[in-house]
């Protein structure tokens, strides 16, 4: 409340508290875009990377897939970046998981740079599918 009063006073009474919609649709999206551009610029210099992925189901029965890459930078330090945690709405078959992984790697420009992919021991994640 003190911050609101302060902002209200220094703005000459023009300050409006951001709504939920403004925060979720504008502020967070802008922040996401800024961070994504920064990481994409960083990944442009990556020559080769490893990928780990995991899938799980929440207590509410929502399926999720994470995608993390690992690479060694110019200073020979291991860098790890989680690039996505996506909600999976369709059934989690090996072919659909593969398609999602390929799509995410393409989105980040890493499909040709990914040398290996490590998955959990899920039944749909066998060598024929992924």
N, C-alpha and C. Protein backbone atom coordinates (compact mmCIF):
# COMPACT_ATOMS: atom_id res chain seq x y z
N UNK A 1 0.82 -1.19 0.00
CA UNK A 1 0.00 0.00 0.00
C UNK A 1 0.87 1.26 0.00
N UNK A 2 1.99 1.21 0.71
CA UNK A 2 2.88 2.37 0.76
C UNK A 2 3.45 2.65 -0.62
N UNK A 3 3.82 1.60 -1.35
CA UNK A 3 4.38 1.78 -2.69
C UNK A 3 3.33 2.39 -3.61
N UNK A 4 2.09 1.91 -3.52
CA UNK A 4 1.02 2.46 -4.35
C UNK A 4 0.86 3.95 -4.07
N UNK A 5 0.81 4.31 -2.79
CA UNK A 5 0.64 5.72 -2.43
C UNK A 5 1.79 6.56 -2.96
N UNK A 6 3.01 6.03 -2.85
CA UNK A 6 4.20 6.73 -3.34
C UNK A 6 4.09 6.95 -4.85
N UNK A 7 3.77 5.89 -5.60
CA UNK A 7 3.64 5.99 -7.06
C UNK A 7 2.51 6.94 -7.44
N UNK A 8 1.43 6.88 -6.71
CA UNK A 8 0.28 7.74 -6.98
C UNK A 8 0.65 9.21 -6.78
N UNK A 9 1.38 9.49 -5.71
CA UNK A 9 1.76 10.87 -5.40
C UNK A 9 2.76 11.42 -6.39
N UNK A 10 3.80 10.63 -6.75
CA UNK A 10 4.81 11.17 -7.66
C UNK A 10 4.30 11.25 -9.10
N UNK A 11 3.23 10.55 -9.41
CA UNK A 11 2.67 10.62 -10.77
C UNK A 11 1.58 11.69 -10.87
N UNK A 12 1.38 12.43 -9.82
CA UNK A 12 0.36 13.47 -9.85
C UNK A 12 -1.05 12.90 -9.89
N UNK A 13 -1.22 11.73 -9.27
CA UNK A 13 -2.54 11.12 -9.22
C UNK A 13 -2.91 10.33 -10.46
N UNK A 14 -1.95 10.09 -11.35
CA UNK A 14 -2.22 9.38 -12.60
C UNK A 14 -1.88 7.89 -12.54
N UNK A 15 -1.29 7.42 -11.44
CA UNK A 15 -0.85 6.03 -11.35
C UNK A 15 -2.04 5.10 -11.19
N UNK A 16 -2.03 4.02 -11.96
CA UNK A 16 -3.06 2.99 -11.84
C UNK A 16 -2.37 1.67 -11.51
N UNK A 17 -2.93 0.96 -10.57
CA UNK A 17 -2.40 -0.35 -10.20
C UNK A 17 -2.57 -1.28 -11.40
N UNK A 18 -1.50 -1.98 -11.81
CA UNK A 18 -1.64 -2.89 -12.95
C UNK A 18 -2.64 -4.00 -12.65
N UNK A 19 -3.45 -4.30 -13.63
CA UNK A 19 -4.44 -5.36 -13.48
C UNK A 19 -3.78 -6.71 -13.71
N UNK A 20 -4.46 -7.78 -13.33
CA UNK A 20 -3.97 -9.13 -13.56
C UNK A 20 -3.72 -9.35 -15.05
N UNK A 21 -4.67 -8.90 -15.89
CA UNK A 21 -4.52 -9.07 -17.34
C UNK A 21 -3.29 -8.35 -17.87
N UNK A 22 -3.05 -7.15 -17.39
CA UNK A 22 -1.87 -6.40 -17.86
C UNK A 22 -0.59 -7.11 -17.45
N UNK A 23 -0.56 -7.60 -16.23
CA UNK A 23 0.65 -8.29 -15.75
C UNK A 23 0.86 -9.57 -16.53
N UNK A 24 -0.19 -10.38 -16.68
CA UNK A 24 -0.02 -11.69 -17.33
C UNK A 24 0.10 -11.58 -18.84
N UNK A 25 -0.60 -10.64 -19.47
CA UNK A 25 -0.60 -10.56 -20.93
C UNK A 25 0.46 -9.61 -21.48
N UNK A 26 0.85 -8.62 -20.75
CA UNK A 26 1.80 -7.64 -21.29
C UNK A 26 3.16 -7.73 -20.60
N UNK A 27 3.19 -7.54 -19.31
CA UNK A 27 4.46 -7.45 -18.60
C UNK A 27 5.22 -8.77 -18.66
N UNK A 28 4.57 -9.89 -18.34
CA UNK A 28 5.26 -11.17 -18.36
C UNK A 28 5.65 -11.58 -19.78
N UNK A 29 4.79 -11.30 -20.77
CA UNK A 29 5.14 -11.62 -22.15
C UNK A 29 6.33 -10.81 -22.63
N UNK A 30 6.38 -9.53 -22.28
CA UNK A 30 7.52 -8.70 -22.64
C UNK A 30 8.80 -9.21 -21.99
N UNK A 31 8.70 -9.59 -20.72
CA UNK A 31 9.86 -10.11 -20.00
C UNK A 31 10.33 -11.42 -20.64
N UNK A 32 9.39 -12.31 -20.97
CA UNK A 32 9.72 -13.57 -21.61
C UNK A 32 10.43 -13.32 -22.95
N UNK A 33 9.88 -12.41 -23.76
CA UNK A 33 10.49 -12.11 -25.06
C UNK A 33 11.90 -11.57 -24.91
N UNK A 34 12.12 -10.70 -23.92
CA UNK A 34 13.45 -10.13 -23.68
C UNK A 34 14.46 -11.22 -23.30
N UNK A 35 14.06 -12.10 -22.38
CA UNK A 35 14.95 -13.17 -21.94
C UNK A 35 15.19 -14.17 -23.07
N UNK A 36 14.15 -14.48 -23.83
CA UNK A 36 14.30 -15.42 -24.94
C UNK A 36 15.27 -14.88 -25.98
N UNK A 37 15.18 -13.59 -26.31
CA UNK A 37 16.13 -12.99 -27.27
C UNK A 37 17.56 -13.06 -26.74
N UNK A 38 17.73 -12.80 -25.46
CA UNK A 38 19.07 -12.85 -24.86
C UNK A 38 19.65 -14.27 -24.94
N UNK A 39 18.84 -15.26 -24.61
CA UNK A 39 19.32 -16.65 -24.67
C UNK A 39 19.56 -17.07 -26.12
N UNK A 40 18.68 -16.66 -27.04
CA UNK A 40 18.86 -17.00 -28.45
C UNK A 40 20.17 -16.43 -28.98
N UNK A 41 20.50 -15.20 -28.60
CA UNK A 41 21.79 -14.60 -29.00
C UNK A 41 22.95 -15.40 -28.44
N UNK A 42 22.83 -15.83 -27.20
CA UNK A 42 23.86 -16.64 -26.56
C UNK A 42 24.03 -17.98 -27.29
N UNK A 43 22.91 -18.59 -27.69
CA UNK A 43 22.95 -19.90 -28.33
C UNK A 43 23.43 -19.85 -29.77
N UNK A 44 23.45 -18.67 -30.37
CA UNK A 44 23.91 -18.55 -31.76
C UNK A 44 25.35 -19.02 -31.91
N UNK A 45 26.15 -18.88 -30.86
CA UNK A 45 27.56 -19.28 -30.95
C UNK A 45 27.81 -20.74 -30.55
N UNK A 46 26.76 -21.43 -30.13
CA UNK A 46 26.91 -22.83 -29.73
C UNK A 46 27.14 -23.68 -30.98
N UNK A 47 28.18 -24.50 -30.95
CA UNK A 47 28.47 -25.38 -32.08
C UNK A 47 27.86 -26.77 -31.90
N UNK A 48 27.85 -27.25 -30.66
CA UNK A 48 27.31 -28.57 -30.38
C UNK A 48 26.76 -28.57 -28.95
N UNK A 49 25.69 -29.32 -28.74
CA UNK A 49 25.09 -29.37 -27.40
C UNK A 49 24.51 -30.75 -27.14
N UNK A 50 24.31 -31.04 -25.89
CA UNK A 50 23.59 -32.22 -25.46
C UNK A 50 22.22 -31.77 -24.98
N UNK A 51 21.28 -32.68 -25.01
CA UNK A 51 19.91 -32.36 -24.64
C UNK A 51 19.42 -33.36 -23.61
N UNK A 52 18.76 -32.88 -22.58
CA UNK A 52 18.04 -33.76 -21.66
C UNK A 52 16.58 -33.35 -21.69
N UNK A 53 15.74 -34.33 -21.53
CA UNK A 53 14.31 -34.07 -21.54
C UNK A 53 13.64 -34.99 -20.52
N UNK A 54 12.55 -34.53 -19.98
CA UNK A 54 11.81 -35.33 -19.01
C UNK A 54 10.34 -35.05 -19.18
N UNK A 55 9.55 -36.04 -18.98
CA UNK A 55 8.11 -35.88 -19.02
C UNK A 55 7.50 -36.36 -17.71
N UNK A 56 6.45 -35.72 -17.30
CA UNK A 56 5.77 -36.13 -16.08
C UNK A 56 4.32 -35.68 -16.12
N UNK A 57 3.55 -36.23 -15.23
CA UNK A 57 2.14 -35.88 -15.10
C UNK A 57 1.91 -35.31 -13.71
N UNK A 58 1.23 -34.17 -13.66
CA UNK A 58 0.95 -33.53 -12.38
C UNK A 58 -0.14 -34.28 -11.63
N UNK A 59 -0.34 -33.90 -10.40
CA UNK A 59 -1.41 -34.51 -9.60
C UNK A 59 -2.79 -34.25 -10.20
N UNK A 60 -2.87 -33.16 -10.96
CA UNK A 60 -4.15 -32.83 -11.62
C UNK A 60 -4.27 -33.51 -12.98
N UNK A 61 -3.32 -34.42 -13.28
CA UNK A 61 -3.31 -35.20 -14.53
C UNK A 61 -2.99 -34.37 -15.77
N UNK A 62 -2.20 -33.30 -15.61
CA UNK A 62 -1.71 -32.53 -16.74
C UNK A 62 -0.32 -33.06 -17.09
N UNK A 63 -0.08 -33.30 -18.37
CA UNK A 63 1.22 -33.79 -18.81
C UNK A 63 2.16 -32.64 -19.13
N UNK A 64 3.44 -32.80 -18.78
CA UNK A 64 4.45 -31.78 -19.04
C UNK A 64 5.70 -32.41 -19.65
N UNK A 65 6.40 -31.61 -20.45
CA UNK A 65 7.66 -32.03 -21.04
C UNK A 65 8.66 -30.89 -20.86
N UNK A 66 9.85 -31.22 -20.34
CA UNK A 66 10.89 -30.22 -20.21
C UNK A 66 12.00 -30.50 -21.21
N UNK A 67 12.67 -29.44 -21.64
CA UNK A 67 13.79 -29.55 -22.56
C UNK A 67 14.92 -28.68 -22.03
N UNK A 68 16.06 -29.31 -21.77
CA UNK A 68 17.23 -28.61 -21.26
C UNK A 68 18.41 -28.92 -22.15
N UNK A 69 19.22 -27.90 -22.45
CA UNK A 69 20.43 -28.14 -23.24
C UNK A 69 21.65 -27.91 -22.37
N UNK A 70 22.75 -28.54 -22.77
CA UNK A 70 24.02 -28.45 -22.05
C UNK A 70 25.12 -28.27 -23.09
N UNK A 71 25.99 -27.31 -22.86
CA UNK A 71 27.11 -27.09 -23.78
C UNK A 71 28.27 -26.46 -23.03
N UNK A 72 29.42 -26.50 -23.67
CA UNK A 72 30.62 -25.88 -23.10
C UNK A 72 30.86 -24.58 -23.87
N UNK A 73 30.97 -23.47 -23.12
CA UNK A 73 31.13 -22.17 -23.78
C UNK A 73 32.59 -21.89 -24.14
N UNK A 74 32.84 -20.69 -24.65
CA UNK A 74 34.19 -20.31 -25.09
C UNK A 74 35.20 -20.32 -23.95
N UNK A 75 34.72 -20.13 -22.72
CA UNK A 75 35.60 -20.13 -21.55
C UNK A 75 35.73 -21.54 -20.96
N UNK A 76 35.26 -22.55 -21.69
CA UNK A 76 35.31 -23.95 -21.27
C UNK A 76 34.53 -24.21 -19.98
N UNK A 77 33.43 -23.50 -19.82
CA UNK A 77 32.54 -23.72 -18.67
C UNK A 77 31.27 -24.39 -19.17
N UNK A 78 30.81 -25.38 -18.39
CA UNK A 78 29.57 -26.05 -18.73
C UNK A 78 28.39 -25.11 -18.48
N UNK A 79 27.56 -24.94 -19.49
CA UNK A 79 26.39 -24.08 -19.39
C UNK A 79 25.16 -24.95 -19.59
N UNK A 80 24.17 -24.74 -18.75
CA UNK A 80 22.90 -25.47 -18.83
C UNK A 80 21.78 -24.45 -18.94
N UNK A 81 20.90 -24.65 -19.91
CA UNK A 81 19.75 -23.77 -20.09
C UNK A 81 18.49 -24.61 -20.27
N UNK A 82 17.52 -24.38 -19.41
CA UNK A 82 16.21 -24.99 -19.61
C UNK A 82 15.47 -24.09 -20.58
N UNK A 83 15.16 -24.64 -21.75
CA UNK A 83 14.55 -23.85 -22.81
C UNK A 83 13.04 -23.93 -22.83
N UNK A 84 12.48 -24.98 -22.25
CA UNK A 84 11.03 -25.11 -22.30
C UNK A 84 10.53 -26.07 -21.23
N UNK A 85 9.39 -25.75 -20.71
CA UNK A 85 8.57 -26.67 -19.93
C UNK A 85 7.17 -26.48 -20.51
N UNK A 86 6.76 -27.46 -21.30
CA UNK A 86 5.52 -27.33 -22.07
C UNK A 86 4.46 -28.28 -21.55
N UNK A 87 3.24 -27.79 -21.56
CA UNK A 87 2.09 -28.61 -21.24
C UNK A 87 1.79 -29.48 -22.46
N UNK A 88 1.64 -30.77 -22.23
CA UNK A 88 1.32 -31.71 -23.31
C UNK A 88 -0.14 -32.10 -23.15
N UNK A 89 -0.96 -31.67 -24.10
CA UNK A 89 -2.40 -31.92 -23.97
C UNK A 89 -2.83 -33.23 -24.62
N UNK A 90 -2.09 -33.67 -25.63
CA UNK A 90 -2.47 -34.92 -26.29
C UNK A 90 -1.82 -36.11 -25.59
N UNK A 91 -2.18 -37.31 -26.00
CA UNK A 91 -1.61 -38.50 -25.38
C UNK A 91 -0.09 -38.51 -25.61
N UNK A 92 0.62 -39.03 -24.64
CA UNK A 92 2.08 -38.95 -24.66
C UNK A 92 2.70 -40.19 -25.31
N UNK A 93 2.57 -40.28 -26.62
CA UNK A 93 3.20 -41.37 -27.35
C UNK A 93 4.63 -40.96 -27.70
N UNK A 94 5.45 -41.94 -27.99
CA UNK A 94 6.83 -41.67 -28.36
C UNK A 94 6.93 -40.76 -29.57
N UNK A 95 6.09 -40.98 -30.56
CA UNK A 95 6.13 -40.18 -31.78
C UNK A 95 5.74 -38.72 -31.50
N UNK A 96 4.77 -38.51 -30.64
CA UNK A 96 4.34 -37.14 -30.31
C UNK A 96 5.40 -36.42 -29.47
N UNK A 97 6.04 -37.15 -28.58
CA UNK A 97 7.12 -36.56 -27.78
C UNK A 97 8.29 -36.19 -28.69
N UNK A 98 8.63 -37.09 -29.60
CA UNK A 98 9.70 -36.81 -30.57
C UNK A 98 9.37 -35.56 -31.37
N UNK A 99 8.15 -35.46 -31.86
CA UNK A 99 7.73 -34.32 -32.64
C UNK A 99 7.86 -33.02 -31.85
N UNK A 100 7.47 -33.05 -30.58
CA UNK A 100 7.56 -31.86 -29.73
C UNK A 100 9.02 -31.47 -29.50
N UNK A 101 9.89 -32.46 -29.26
CA UNK A 101 11.32 -32.18 -29.05
C UNK A 101 11.93 -31.57 -30.30
N UNK A 102 11.64 -32.17 -31.46
CA UNK A 102 12.17 -31.65 -32.72
C UNK A 102 11.67 -30.22 -32.95
N UNK A 103 10.41 -29.97 -32.68
CA UNK A 103 9.84 -28.64 -32.84
C UNK A 103 10.54 -27.61 -31.94
N UNK A 104 10.76 -27.99 -30.68
CA UNK A 104 11.43 -27.07 -29.75
C UNK A 104 12.88 -26.80 -30.16
N UNK A 105 13.59 -27.85 -30.57
CA UNK A 105 14.97 -27.66 -31.03
C UNK A 105 15.02 -26.79 -32.27
N UNK A 106 14.08 -26.96 -33.18
CA UNK A 106 13.99 -26.09 -34.36
C UNK A 106 13.72 -24.65 -33.97
N UNK A 107 12.79 -24.47 -33.03
CA UNK A 107 12.44 -23.12 -32.57
C UNK A 107 13.65 -22.37 -32.05
N UNK A 108 14.57 -23.07 -31.40
CA UNK A 108 15.76 -22.46 -30.84
C UNK A 108 16.97 -22.54 -31.77
N UNK A 109 16.80 -23.11 -32.97
CA UNK A 109 17.90 -23.21 -33.92
C UNK A 109 18.97 -24.21 -33.51
N UNK A 110 18.58 -25.26 -32.80
CA UNK A 110 19.55 -26.21 -32.24
C UNK A 110 19.42 -27.63 -32.79
N UNK A 111 18.50 -27.85 -33.71
CA UNK A 111 18.28 -29.22 -34.17
C UNK A 111 19.55 -29.84 -34.75
N UNK A 112 20.28 -29.09 -35.56
CA UNK A 112 21.51 -29.61 -36.17
C UNK A 112 22.70 -29.58 -35.22
N UNK A 113 22.54 -28.96 -34.07
CA UNK A 113 23.64 -28.85 -33.10
C UNK A 113 23.52 -29.87 -31.97
N UNK A 114 22.38 -30.51 -31.85
CA UNK A 114 22.14 -31.48 -30.78
C UNK A 114 22.81 -32.80 -31.14
N UNK A 115 23.82 -33.19 -30.39
CA UNK A 115 24.56 -34.42 -30.65
C UNK A 115 23.93 -35.64 -29.98
N UNK A 116 23.29 -35.43 -28.84
CA UNK A 116 22.68 -36.55 -28.14
C UNK A 116 21.51 -36.05 -27.30
N UNK A 117 20.59 -36.96 -27.04
CA UNK A 117 19.43 -36.65 -26.21
C UNK A 117 19.32 -37.73 -25.14
N UNK A 118 19.21 -37.29 -23.89
CA UNK A 118 19.01 -38.21 -22.78
C UNK A 118 17.61 -38.01 -22.24
N UNK A 119 16.88 -39.11 -22.11
CA UNK A 119 15.52 -39.05 -21.58
C UNK A 119 15.46 -39.86 -20.29
N UNK A 120 14.34 -39.78 -19.63
CA UNK A 120 14.13 -40.65 -18.47
C UNK A 120 13.85 -42.06 -18.98
N UNK A 121 13.51 -42.93 -18.12
CA UNK A 121 13.31 -44.32 -18.49
C UNK A 121 11.84 -44.61 -18.79
N UNK A 122 11.14 -43.62 -19.33
CA UNK A 122 9.72 -43.81 -19.63
C UNK A 122 9.53 -44.86 -20.72
N UNK A 123 8.43 -45.55 -20.67
CA UNK A 123 8.17 -46.64 -21.62
C UNK A 123 8.07 -46.15 -23.05
N UNK A 124 7.58 -44.92 -23.29
CA UNK A 124 7.45 -44.44 -24.66
C UNK A 124 8.76 -43.89 -25.21
N UNK A 125 9.77 -43.77 -24.38
CA UNK A 125 11.05 -43.20 -24.80
C UNK A 125 12.05 -44.31 -25.11
N UNK A 126 11.83 -45.04 -26.18
CA UNK A 126 12.81 -46.03 -26.58
C UNK A 126 13.48 -45.61 -27.87
N UNK A 127 14.49 -46.32 -28.28
CA UNK A 127 15.28 -45.90 -29.43
C UNK A 127 14.49 -45.85 -30.72
N UNK A 128 13.38 -46.56 -30.82
CA UNK A 128 12.57 -46.51 -32.03
C UNK A 128 11.75 -45.23 -32.11
N UNK A 129 11.46 -44.63 -30.98
CA UNK A 129 10.58 -43.46 -30.97
C UNK A 129 11.34 -42.14 -30.97
N UNK A 130 12.38 -42.04 -30.17
CA UNK A 130 13.07 -40.76 -30.00
C UNK A 130 14.35 -40.76 -30.80
